[in-house]
Amino acid sequence: FMQLEELSTSIDVVMVCSSISESYRQLVKRFPRYVFDFI
């Protein structure tokens, strides 16, 4: 939704989860303008 609506690129997103899987790392590559980290 952020990407489709072209929300501001001044929004930094950190993905938060209990376990970081390789599939999550692959999915996040679709959103490079927003996501900058996992924790």
PDB file of all heavy atoms in Angstrom:
ATOM      1  N   PHE A   1       0.831  -1.207   0.000  1.00  0.00           N
ATOM      2  CA  PHE A   1       0.000   0.000   0.000  1.00  0.00           C
ATOM      3  C   PHE A   1       0.865   1.256   0.000  1.00  0.00           C
ATOM      4  O   PHE A   1       0.568   2.220  -0.705  1.00  0.00           O
ATOM      5  CB  PHE A   1      -0.960   0.011   1.193  1.00  0.00           C
ATOM      6  CG  PHE A   1      -2.197  -0.799   0.975  1.00  0.00           C
ATOM      7  CD1 PHE A   1      -2.350  -2.017   1.611  1.00  0.00           C
ATOM      8  CD2 PHE A   1      -3.199  -0.353   0.132  1.00  0.00           C
ATOM      9  CE1 PHE A   1      -3.490  -2.781   1.409  1.00  0.00           C
ATOM     10  CE2 PHE A   1      -4.347  -1.112  -0.076  1.00  0.00           C
ATOM     11  CZ  PHE A   1      -4.489  -2.330   0.569  1.00  0.00           C
ATOM     12  N   MET A   2       1.918   1.258   0.786  1.00  0.00           N
ATOM     13  CA  MET A   2       2.816   2.413   0.811  1.00  0.00           C
ATOM     14  C   MET A   2       3.361   2.679  -0.589  1.00  0.00           C
ATOM     15  O   MET A   2       3.399   3.827  -1.039  1.00  0.00           O
ATOM     16  CB  MET A   2       3.981   2.181   1.781  1.00  0.00           C
ATOM     17  CG  MET A   2       3.630   2.275   3.233  1.00  0.00           C
ATOM     18  SD  MET A   2       5.072   2.034   4.319  1.00  0.00           S
ATOM     19  CE  MET A   2       6.042   3.504   3.922  1.00  0.00           C
ATOM     20  N   GLN A   3       3.770   1.621  -1.257  1.00  0.00           N
ATOM     21  CA  GLN A   3       4.367   1.754  -2.584  1.00  0.00           C
ATOM     22  C   GLN A   3       3.322   2.165  -3.628  1.00  0.00           C
ATOM     23  O   GLN A   3       3.563   3.074  -4.428  1.00  0.00           O
ATOM     24  CB  GLN A   3       5.013   0.424  -2.974  1.00  0.00           C
ATOM     25  CG  GLN A   3       5.901   0.500  -4.176  1.00  0.00           C
ATOM     26  CD  GLN A   3       6.785  -0.721  -4.271  1.00  0.00           C
ATOM     27  OE1 GLN A   3       7.728  -0.851  -3.505  1.00  0.00           O
ATOM     28  NE2 GLN A   3       6.466  -1.610  -5.184  1.00  0.00           N
ATOM     29  N   LEU A   4       2.157   1.519  -3.611  1.00  0.00           N
ATOM     30  CA  LEU A   4       1.102   1.843  -4.577  1.00  0.00           C
ATOM     31  C   LEU A   4       0.632   3.289  -4.449  1.00  0.00           C
ATOM     32  O   LEU A   4       0.346   3.950  -5.440  1.00  0.00           O
ATOM     33  CB  LEU A   4      -0.100   0.908  -4.395  1.00  0.00           C
ATOM     34  CG  LEU A   4       0.065  -0.509  -4.927  1.00  0.00           C
ATOM     35  CD1 LEU A   4      -1.089  -1.395  -4.468  1.00  0.00           C
ATOM     36  CD2 LEU A   4       0.150  -0.496  -6.444  1.00  0.00           C
ATOM     37  N   GLU A   5       0.545   3.755  -3.213  1.00  0.00           N
ATOM     38  CA  GLU A   5       0.069   5.115  -2.960  1.00  0.00           C
ATOM     39  C   GLU A   5       1.200   6.134  -2.992  1.00  0.00           C
ATOM     40  O   GLU A   5       0.973   7.315  -2.762  1.00  0.00           O
ATOM     41  CB  GLU A   5      -0.657   5.150  -1.622  1.00  0.00           C
ATOM     42  CG  GLU A   5      -1.894   4.276  -1.641  1.00  0.00           C
ATOM     43  CD  GLU A   5      -2.576   4.195  -0.294  1.00  0.00           C
ATOM     44  OE1 GLU A   5      -2.477   5.168   0.492  1.00  0.00           O
ATOM     45  OE2 GLU A   5      -3.210   3.166  -0.026  1.00  0.00           O
ATOM     46  N   GLU A   6       2.413   5.645  -3.242  1.00  0.00           N
ATOM     47  CA  GLU A   6       3.588   6.499  -3.320  1.00  0.00           C
ATOM     48  C   GLU A   6       3.723   7.414  -2.106  1.00  0.00           C
ATOM     49  O   GLU A   6       3.893   8.630  -2.233  1.00  0.00           O
ATOM     50  CB  GLU A   6       3.585   7.292  -4.623  1.00  0.00           C
ATOM     51  CG  GLU A   6       3.641   6.397  -5.844  1.00  0.00           C
ATOM     52  CD  GLU A   6       3.677   7.162  -7.163  1.00  0.00           C
ATOM     53  OE1 GLU A   6       3.484   8.390  -7.170  1.00  0.00           O
ATOM     54  OE2 GLU A   6       3.916   6.502  -8.185  1.00  0.00           O
ATOM     55  N   LEU A   7       3.649   6.794  -0.933  1.00  0.00           N
ATOM     56  CA  LEU A   7       3.864   7.560   0.287  1.00  0.00           C
ATOM     57  C   LEU A   7       5.299   8.078   0.295  1.00  0.00           C
ATOM     58  O   LEU A   7       6.169   7.557  -0.396  1.00  0.00           O
ATOM     59  CB  LEU A   7       3.584   6.705   1.518  1.00  0.00           C
ATOM     60  CG  LEU A   7       2.127   6.264   1.722  1.00  0.00           C
ATOM     61  CD1 LEU A   7       1.974   5.509   3.038  1.00  0.00           C
ATOM     62  CD2 LEU A   7       1.166   7.436   1.679  1.00  0.00           C
ATOM     63  N   SER A   8       5.526   9.073   1.084  1.00  0.00           N
ATOM     64  CA  SER A   8       6.819   9.754   1.127  1.00  0.00           C
ATOM     65  C   SER A   8       7.993   8.789   1.308  1.00  0.00           C
ATOM     66  O   SER A   8       7.927   7.863   2.119  1.00  0.00           O
ATOM     67  CB  SER A   8       6.821  10.757   2.277  1.00  0.00           C
ATOM     68  OG  SER A   8       8.097  11.304   2.444  1.00  0.00           O
ATOM     69  N   THR A   9       9.046   9.026   0.568  1.00  0.00           N
ATOM     70  CA  THR A   9      10.256   8.217   0.730  1.00  0.00           C
ATOM     71  C   THR A   9      11.067   8.652   1.949  1.00  0.00           C
ATOM     72  O   THR A   9      12.110   8.082   2.230  1.00  0.00           O
ATOM     73  CB  THR A   9      11.139   8.285  -0.530  1.00  0.00           C
ATOM     74  OG1 THR A   9      11.446   9.646  -0.804  1.00  0.00           O
ATOM     75  CG2 THR A   9      10.451   7.636  -1.711  1.00  0.00           C
ATOM     76  N   SER A  10      10.565   9.642   2.679  1.00  0.00           N
ATOM     77  CA  SER A  10      11.221  10.024   3.933  1.00  0.00           C
ATOM     78  C   SER A  10      10.741   9.140   5.090  1.00  0.00           C
ATOM     79  O   SER A  10      11.122   9.347   6.229  1.00  0.00           O
ATOM     80  CB  SER A  10      10.977  11.498   4.240  1.00  0.00           C
ATOM     81  OG  SER A  10       9.621  11.727   4.499  1.00  0.00           O
ATOM     82  N   ILE A  11       9.914   8.138   4.768  1.00  0.00           N
ATOM     83  CA  ILE A  11       9.464   7.159   5.756  1.00  0.00           C
ATOM     84  C   ILE A  11      10.421   5.969   5.688  1.00  0.00           C
ATOM     85  O   ILE A  11      10.548   5.321   4.659  1.00  0.00           O
ATOM     86  CB  ILE A  11       8.019   6.688   5.473  1.00  0.00           C
ATOM     87  CG1 ILE A  11       7.056   7.874   5.503  1.00  0.00           C
ATOM     88  CG2 ILE A  11       7.605   5.605   6.463  1.00  0.00           C
ATOM     89  CD1 ILE A  11       5.655   7.548   5.009  1.00  0.00           C
ATOM     90  N   ASP A  12      11.119   5.724   6.802  1.00  0.00           N
ATOM     91  CA  ASP A  12      12.020   4.573   6.906  1.00  0.00           C
ATOM     92  C   ASP A  12      11.297   3.454   7.649  1.00  0.00           C
ATOM     93  O   ASP A  12      10.736   3.684   8.724  1.00  0.00           O
ATOM     94  CB  ASP A  12      13.281   4.937   7.687  1.00  0.00           C
ATOM     95  CG  ASP A  12      14.178   5.899   6.942  1.00  0.00           C
ATOM     96  OD1 ASP A  12      14.086   5.976   5.697  1.00  0.00           O
ATOM     97  OD2 ASP A  12      14.992   6.583   7.593  1.00  0.00           O
ATOM     98  N   VAL A  13      11.331   2.253   7.087  1.00  0.00           N
ATOM     99  CA  VAL A  13      10.660   1.114   7.700  1.00  0.00           C
ATOM    100  C   VAL A  13      11.693   0.091   8.149  1.00  0.00           C
ATOM    101  O   VAL A  13      12.602  -0.258   7.399  1.00  0.00           O
ATOM    102  CB  VAL A  13       9.673   0.448   6.709  1.00  0.00           C
ATOM    103  CG1 VAL A  13       9.017  -0.777   7.335  1.00  0.00           C
ATOM    104  CG2 VAL A  13       8.616   1.447   6.243  1.00  0.00           C
ATOM    105  N   VAL A  14      11.517  -0.366   9.382  1.00  0.00           N
ATOM    106  CA  VAL A  14      12.295  -1.475   9.907  1.00  0.00           C
ATOM    107  C   VAL A  14      11.311  -2.609  10.149  1.00  0.00           C
ATOM    108  O   VAL A  14      10.329  -2.437  10.871  1.00  0.00           O
ATOM    109  CB  VAL A  14      13.025  -1.110  11.217  1.00  0.00           C
ATOM    110  CG1 VAL A  14      13.693  -2.326  11.830  1.00  0.00           C
ATOM    111  CG2 VAL A  14      14.039  -0.009  10.968  1.00  0.00           C
ATOM    112  N   MET A  15      11.551  -3.729   9.515  1.00  0.00           N
ATOM    113  CA  MET A  15      10.700  -4.895   9.672  1.00  0.00           C
ATOM    114  C   MET A  15      11.046  -5.577  10.994  1.00  0.00           C
ATOM    115  O   MET A  15      12.227  -5.816  11.277  1.00  0.00           O
ATOM    116  CB  MET A  15      10.878  -5.874   8.513  1.00  0.00           C
ATOM    117  CG  MET A  15      10.662  -5.271   7.146  1.00  0.00           C
ATOM    118  SD  MET A  15       9.025  -4.568   6.891  1.00  0.00           S
ATOM    119  CE  MET A  15       8.060  -6.045   6.671  1.00  0.00           C
ATOM    120  N   VAL A  16      10.015  -5.871  11.789  1.00  0.00           N
ATOM    121  CA  VAL A  16      10.209  -6.448  13.104  1.00  0.00           C
ATOM    122  C   VAL A  16       9.527  -7.815  13.132  1.00  0.00           C
ATOM    123  O   VAL A  16       8.344  -7.919  12.802  1.00  0.00           O
ATOM    124  CB  VAL A  16       9.607  -5.537  14.195  1.00  0.00           C
ATOM    125  CG1 VAL A  16       9.847  -6.115  15.578  1.00  0.00           C
ATOM    126  CG2 VAL A  16      10.169  -4.120  14.098  1.00  0.00           C
ATOM    127  N   CYS A  17      10.277  -8.839  13.503  1.00  0.00           N
ATOM    128  CA  CYS A  17       9.674 -10.171  13.564  1.00  0.00           C
ATOM    129  C   CYS A  17      10.416 -11.040  14.567  1.00  0.00           C
ATOM    130  O   CYS A  17      11.525 -10.706  14.988  1.00  0.00           O
ATOM    131  CB  CYS A  17       9.654 -10.827  12.192  1.00  0.00           C
ATOM    132  SG  CYS A  17      11.255 -10.953  11.416  1.00  0.00           S
ATOM    133  N   SER A  18       9.773 -12.144  14.945  1.00  0.00           N
ATOM    134  CA  SER A  18      10.399 -13.031  15.919  1.00  0.00           C
ATOM    135  C   SER A  18      11.475 -13.903  15.290  1.00  0.00           C
ATOM    136  O   SER A  18      12.367 -14.370  15.973  1.00  0.00           O
ATOM    137  CB  SER A  18       9.348 -13.878  16.633  1.00  0.00           C
ATOM    138  OG  SER A  18       8.466 -14.439  15.701  1.00  0.00           O
ATOM    139  N   SER A  19      11.385 -14.138  13.982  1.00  0.00           N
ATOM    140  CA  SER A  19      12.464 -14.852  13.289  1.00  0.00           C
ATOM    141  C   SER A  19      12.540 -14.335  11.858  1.00  0.00           C
ATOM    142  O   SER A  19      11.527 -14.173  11.192  1.00  0.00           O
ATOM    143  CB  SER A  19      12.234 -16.358  13.296  1.00  0.00           C
ATOM    144  OG  SER A  19      11.128 -16.687  12.498  1.00  0.00           O
ATOM    145  N   ILE A  20      13.743 -14.055  11.423  1.00  0.00           N
ATOM    146  CA  ILE A  20      13.952 -13.491  10.094  1.00  0.00           C
ATOM    147  C   ILE A  20      14.320 -14.624   9.139  1.00  0.00           C
ATOM    148  O   ILE A  20      15.411 -15.173   9.213  1.00  0.00           O
ATOM    149  CB  ILE A  20      15.063 -12.420  10.124  1.00  0.00           C
ATOM    150  CG1 ILE A  20      14.696 -11.319  11.111  1.00  0.00           C
ATOM    151  CG2 ILE A  20      15.299 -11.860   8.733  1.00  0.00           C
ATOM    152  CD1 ILE A  20      15.823 -10.376  11.443  1.00  0.00           C
ATOM    153  N   SER A  21      13.387 -14.957   8.270  1.00  0.00           N
ATOM    154  CA  SER A  21      13.626 -16.055   7.333  1.00  0.00           C
ATOM    155  C   SER A  21      14.198 -15.523   6.025  1.00  0.00           C
ATOM    156  O   SER A  21      14.095 -14.332   5.716  1.00  0.00           O
ATOM    157  CB  SER A  21      12.324 -16.803   7.056  1.00  0.00           C
ATOM    158  OG  SER A  21      11.474 -16.007   6.261  1.00  0.00           O
ATOM    159  N   GLU A  22      14.769 -16.420   5.257  1.00  0.00           N
ATOM    160  CA  GLU A  22      15.305 -16.046   3.945  1.00  0.00           C
ATOM    161  C   GLU A  22      14.183 -15.572   3.027  1.00  0.00           C
ATOM    162  O   GLU A  22      14.371 -14.665   2.225  1.00  0.00           O
ATOM    163  CB  GLU A  22      16.067 -17.219   3.317  1.00  0.00           C
ATOM    164  CG  GLU A  22      16.770 -16.857   2.030  1.00  0.00           C
ATOM    165  CD  GLU A  22      17.735 -15.673   2.151  1.00  0.00           C
ATOM    166  OE1 GLU A  22      18.399 -15.516   3.194  1.00  0.00           O
ATOM    167  OE2 GLU A  22      17.829 -14.886   1.186  1.00  0.00           O
ATOM    168  N   SER A  23      13.000 -16.175   3.152  1.00  0.00           N
ATOM    169  CA  SER A  23      11.869 -15.745   2.308  1.00  0.00           C
ATOM    170  C   SER A  23      11.483 -14.294   2.617  1.00  0.00           C
ATOM    171  O   SER A  23      11.129 -13.542   1.713  1.00  0.00           O
ATOM    172  CB  SER A  23      10.670 -16.669   2.476  1.00  0.00           C
ATOM    173  OG  SER A  23      10.183 -16.635   3.802  1.00  0.00           O
ATOM    174  N   TYR A  24      11.565 -13.889   3.890  1.00  0.00           N
ATOM    175  CA  TYR A  24      11.301 -12.490   4.241  1.00  0.00           C
ATOM    176  C   TYR A  24      12.337 -11.578   3.589  1.00  0.00           C
ATOM    177  O   TYR A  24      12.012 -10.524   3.066  1.00  0.00           O
ATOM    178  CB  TYR A  24      11.336 -12.276   5.748  1.00  0.00           C
ATOM    179  CG  TYR A  24      10.184 -12.875   6.522  1.00  0.00           C
ATOM    180  CD1 TYR A  24      10.276 -13.059   7.889  1.00  0.00           C
ATOM    181  CD2 TYR A  24       9.006 -13.250   5.900  1.00  0.00           C
ATOM    182  CE1 TYR A  24       9.228 -13.591   8.620  1.00  0.00           C
ATOM    183  CE2 TYR A  24       7.961 -13.787   6.621  1.00  0.00           C
ATOM    184  CZ  TYR A  24       8.076 -13.961   7.988  1.00  0.00           C
ATOM    185  OH  TYR A  24       7.032 -14.479   8.706  1.00  0.00           O
ATOM    186  N   ARG A  25      13.585 -11.985   3.635  1.00  0.00           N
ATOM    187  CA  ARG A  25      14.649 -11.175   3.033  1.00  0.00           C
ATOM    188  C   ARG A  25      14.435 -11.001   1.528  1.00  0.00           C
ATOM    189  O   ARG A  25      14.726  -9.953   0.973  1.00  0.00           O
ATOM    190  CB  ARG A  25      16.012 -11.792   3.314  1.00  0.00           C
ATOM    191  CG  ARG A  25      16.419 -11.669   4.767  1.00  0.00           C
ATOM    192  CD  ARG A  25      17.871 -12.066   4.966  1.00  0.00           C
ATOM    193  NE  ARG A  25      18.204 -12.093   6.369  1.00  0.00           N
ATOM    194  CZ  ARG A  25      18.478 -11.017   7.114  1.00  0.00           C
ATOM    195  NH1 ARG A  25      18.448  -9.832   6.574  1.00  0.00           N
ATOM    196  NH2 ARG A  25      18.772 -11.136   8.382  1.00  0.00           N
ATOM    197  N   GLN A  26      13.927 -12.033   0.889  1.00  0.00           N
ATOM    198  CA  GLN A  26      13.650 -11.943  -0.546  1.00  0.00           C
ATOM    199  C   GLN A  26      12.456 -11.033  -0.817  1.00  0.00           C
ATOM    200  O   GLN A  26      12.490 -10.206  -1.734  1.00  0.00           O
ATOM    201  CB  GLN A  26      13.403 -13.338  -1.141  1.00  0.00           C
ATOM    202  CG  GLN A  26      14.637 -14.228  -1.144  1.00  0.00           C
ATOM    203  CD  GLN A  26      15.822 -13.579  -1.846  1.00  0.00           C
ATOM    204  OE1 GLN A  26      15.698 -13.037  -2.929  1.00  0.00           O
ATOM    205  NE2 GLN A  26      16.985 -13.636  -1.212  1.00  0.00           N
ATOM    206  N   LEU A  27      11.398 -11.161  -0.016  1.00  0.00           N
ATOM    207  CA  LEU A  27      10.204 -10.337  -0.198  1.00  0.00           C
ATOM    208  C   LEU A  27      10.496  -8.849  -0.004  1.00  0.00           C
ATOM    209  O   LEU A  27       9.962  -8.004  -0.714  1.00  0.00           O
ATOM    210  CB  LEU A  27       9.096 -10.771   0.764  1.00  0.00           C
ATOM    211  CG  LEU A  27       8.334 -12.027   0.391  1.00  0.00           C
ATOM    212  CD1 LEU A  27       7.455 -12.481   1.551  1.00  0.00           C
ATOM    213  CD2 LEU A  27       7.481 -11.783  -0.844  1.00  0.00           C
ATOM    214  N   VAL A  28      11.335  -8.543   0.960  1.00  0.00           N
ATOM    215  CA  VAL A  28      11.602  -7.143   1.277  1.00  0.00           C
ATOM    216  C   VAL A  28      12.355  -6.435   0.154  1.00  0.00           C
ATOM    217  O   VAL A  28      12.278  -5.212   0.029  1.00  0.00           O
ATOM    218  CB  VAL A  28      12.335  -7.032   2.633  1.00  0.00           C
ATOM    219  CG1 VAL A  28      13.818  -7.235   2.485  1.00  0.00           C
ATOM    220  CG2 VAL A  28      12.040  -5.724   3.313  1.00  0.00           C
ATOM    221  N   LYS A  29      13.013  -7.174  -0.707  1.00  0.00           N
ATOM    222  CA  LYS A  29      13.736  -6.574  -1.827  1.00  0.00           C
ATOM    223  C   LYS A  29      12.798  -5.865  -2.797  1.00  0.00           C
ATOM    224  O   LYS A  29      13.243  -5.044  -3.594  1.00  0.00           O
ATOM    225  CB  LYS A  29      14.556  -7.638  -2.558  1.00  0.00           C
ATOM    226  CG  LYS A  29      15.739  -8.113  -1.758  1.00  0.00           C
ATOM    227  CD  LYS A  29      16.523  -9.163  -2.502  1.00  0.00           C
ATOM    228  CE  LYS A  29      17.703  -9.627  -1.659  1.00  0.00           C
ATOM    229  NZ  LYS A  29      18.463 -10.662  -2.331  1.00  0.00           N
ATOM    230  N   ARG A  30      11.496  -6.136  -2.700  1.00  0.00           N
ATOM    231  CA  ARG A  30      10.524  -5.460  -3.552  1.00  0.00           C
ATOM    232  C   ARG A  30      10.234  -4.033  -3.074  1.00  0.00           C
ATOM    233  O   ARG A  30       9.551  -3.289  -3.762  1.00  0.00           O
ATOM    234  CB  ARG A  30       9.214  -6.265  -3.583  1.00  0.00           C
ATOM    235  CG  ARG A  30       9.407  -7.630  -4.207  1.00  0.00           C
ATOM    236  CD  ARG A  30       8.155  -8.482  -4.290  1.00  0.00           C
ATOM    237  NE  ARG A  30       6.914  -7.862  -3.937  1.00  0.00           N
ATOM    238  CZ  ARG A  30       5.941  -8.479  -3.266  1.00  0.00           C
ATOM    239  NH1 ARG A  30       6.087  -9.729  -2.869  1.00  0.00           N
ATOM    240  NH2 ARG A  30       4.816  -7.859  -2.994  1.00  0.00           N
ATOM    241  N   PHE A  31      10.746  -3.669  -1.908  1.00  0.00           N
ATOM    242  CA  PHE A  31      10.423  -2.362  -1.311  1.00  0.00           C
ATOM    243  C   PHE A  31      11.676  -1.598  -0.890  1.00  0.00           C
ATOM    244  O   PHE A  31      11.768  -1.092   0.232  1.00  0.00           O
ATOM    245  CB  PHE A  31       9.496  -2.566  -0.110  1.00  0.00           C
ATOM    246  CG  PHE A  31       8.324  -3.439  -0.395  1.00  0.00           C
ATOM    247  CD1 PHE A  31       8.328  -4.782  -0.043  1.00  0.00           C
ATOM    248  CD2 PHE A  31       7.221  -2.937  -1.059  1.00  0.00           C
ATOM    249  CE1 PHE A  31       7.254  -5.596  -0.326  1.00  0.00           C
ATOM    250  CE2 PHE A  31       6.134  -3.751  -1.351  1.00  0.00           C
ATOM    251  CZ  PHE A  31       6.153  -5.083  -0.978  1.00  0.00           C
ATOM    252  N   PRO A  32      12.645  -1.443  -1.782  1.00  0.00           N
ATOM    253  CA  PRO A  32      13.915  -0.814  -1.387  1.00  0.00           C
ATOM    254  C   PRO A  32      13.797   0.665  -1.030  1.00  0.00           C
ATOM    255  O   PRO A  32      14.652   1.188  -0.318  1.00  0.00           O
ATOM    256  CB  PRO A  32      14.802  -1.015  -2.622  1.00  0.00           C
ATOM    257  CG  PRO A  32      13.848  -1.108  -3.758  1.00  0.00           C
ATOM    258  CD  PRO A  32      12.631  -1.797  -3.197  1.00  0.00           C
ATOM    259  N   ARG A  33      12.753   1.328  -1.497  1.00  0.00           N
ATOM    260  CA  ARG A  33      12.646   2.756  -1.182  1.00  0.00           C
ATOM    261  C   ARG A  33      12.181   3.016   0.251  1.00  0.00           C
ATOM    262  O   ARG A  33      12.270   4.142   0.726  1.00  0.00           O
ATOM    263  CB  ARG A  33      11.745   3.463  -2.195  1.00  0.00           C
ATOM    264  CG  ARG A  33      10.278   3.109  -2.080  1.00  0.00           C
ATOM    265  CD  ARG A  33       9.459   3.577  -3.231  1.00  0.00           C
ATOM    266  NE  ARG A  33       9.157   4.989  -3.148  1.00  0.00           N
ATOM    267  CZ  ARG A  33       8.241   5.583  -3.877  1.00  0.00           C
ATOM    268  NH1 ARG A  33       7.561   4.894  -4.760  1.00  0.00           N
ATOM    269  NH2 ARG A  33       8.007   6.862  -3.751  1.00  0.00           N
ATOM    270  N   TYR A  34      11.684   1.968   0.923  1.00  0.00           N
ATOM    271  CA  TYR A  34      11.192   2.141   2.290  1.00  0.00           C
ATOM    272  C   TYR A  34      11.973   1.337   3.332  1.00  0.00           C
ATOM    273  O   TYR A  34      12.376   1.868   4.352  1.00  0.00           O
ATOM    274  CB  TYR A  34       9.712   1.756   2.390  1.00  0.00           C
ATOM    275  CG  TYR A  34       8.809   2.637   1.569  1.00  0.00           C
ATOM    276  CD1 TYR A  34       8.149   2.145   0.457  1.00  0.00           C
ATOM    277  CD2 TYR A  34       8.641   3.980   1.891  1.00  0.00           C
ATOM    278  CE1 TYR A  34       7.327   2.960  -0.312  1.00  0.00           C
ATOM    279  CE2 TYR A  34       7.825   4.799   1.137  1.00  0.00           C
ATOM    280  CZ  TYR A  34       7.175   4.290   0.031  1.00  0.00           C
ATOM    281  OH  TYR A  34       6.380   5.097  -0.720  1.00  0.00           O
ATOM    282  N   VAL A  35      12.171   0.058   3.093  1.00  0.00           N
ATOM    283  CA  VAL A  35      12.735  -0.829   4.114  1.00  0.00           C
ATOM    284  C   VAL A  35      14.251  -0.705   4.147  1.00  0.00           C
ATOM    285  O   VAL A  35      14.912  -0.831   3.129  1.00  0.00           O
ATOM    286  CB  VAL A  35      12.342  -2.295   3.854  1.00  0.00           C
ATOM    287  CG1 VAL A  35      12.963  -3.213   4.909  1.00  0.00           C
ATOM    288  CG2 VAL A  35      10.827  -2.449   3.850  1.00  0.00           C
ATOM    289  N   PHE A  36      14.779  -0.465   5.336  1.00  0.00           N
ATOM    290  CA  PHE A  36      16.232  -0.387   5.431  1.00  0.00           C
ATOM    291  C   PHE A  36      16.823  -1.374   6.427  1.00  0.00           C
ATOM    292  O   PHE A  36      18.038  -1.492   6.511  1.00  0.00           O
ATOM    293  CB  PHE A  36      16.709   1.044   5.705  1.00  0.00           C
ATOM    294  CG  PHE A  36      16.587   1.505   7.127  1.00  0.00           C
ATOM    295  CD1 PHE A  36      17.637   1.371   8.012  1.00  0.00           C
ATOM    296  CD2 PHE A  36      15.422   2.100   7.568  1.00  0.00           C
ATOM    297  CE1 PHE A  36      17.529   1.808   9.317  1.00  0.00           C
ATOM    298  CE2 PHE A  36      15.309   2.545   8.868  1.00  0.00           C
ATOM    299  CZ  PHE A  36      16.365   2.395   9.740  1.00  0.00           C
ATOM    300  N   ASP A  37      15.972  -2.137   7.149  1.00  0.00           N
ATOM    301  CA  ASP A  37      16.550  -3.093   8.095  1.00  0.00           C
ATOM    302  C   ASP A  37      15.493  -4.069   8.596  1.00  0.00           C
ATOM    303  O   ASP A  37      14.291  -3.839   8.441  1.00  0.00           O
ATOM    304  CB  ASP A  37      17.157  -2.348   9.281  1.00  0.00           C
ATOM    305  CG  ASP A  37      18.227  -3.146  10.010  1.00  0.00           C
ATOM    306  OD1 ASP A  37      18.537  -4.281   9.592  1.00  0.00           O
ATOM    307  OD2 ASP A  37      18.769  -2.625  10.998  1.00  0.00           O
ATOM    308  N   PHE A  38      15.976  -5.158   9.183  1.00  0.00           N
ATOM    309  CA  PHE A  38      15.193  -6.131   9.933  1.00  0.00           C
ATOM    310  C   PHE A  38      15.723  -6.124  11.354  1.00  0.00           C
ATOM    311  O   PHE A  38      16.937  -6.002  11.549  1.00  0.00           O
ATOM    312  CB  PHE A  38      15.453  -7.554   9.419  1.00  0.00           C
ATOM    313  CG  PHE A  38      14.698  -7.952   8.203  1.00  0.00           C
ATOM    314  CD1 PHE A  38      15.300  -7.885   6.962  1.00  0.00           C
ATOM    315  CD2 PHE A  38      13.412  -8.440   8.300  1.00  0.00           C
ATOM    316  CE1 PHE A  38      14.640  -8.305   5.830  1.00  0.00           C
ATOM    317  CE2 PHE A  38      12.734  -8.858   7.170  1.00  0.00           C
ATOM    318  CZ  PHE A  38      13.343  -8.788   5.936  1.00  0.00           C
ATOM    319  N   ILE A  39      14.841  -6.305  12.329  1.00  0.00           N
ATOM    320  CA  ILE A  39      15.299  -6.561  13.689  1.00  0.00           C
ATOM    321  C   ILE A  39      14.388  -7.613  14.304  1.00  0.00           C
ATOM    322  O   ILE A  39      13.220  -7.738  13.929  1.00  0.00           O
ATOM    323  CB  ILE A  39      15.354  -5.301  14.585  1.00  0.00           C
ATOM    324  CG1 ILE A  39      14.003  -4.614  14.678  1.00  0.00           C
ATOM    325  CG2 ILE A  39      16.425  -4.356  14.144  1.00  0.00           C
ATOM    326  CD1 ILE A  39      13.972  -3.500  15.711  1.00  0.00           C
TER     327      ILE A  39
END
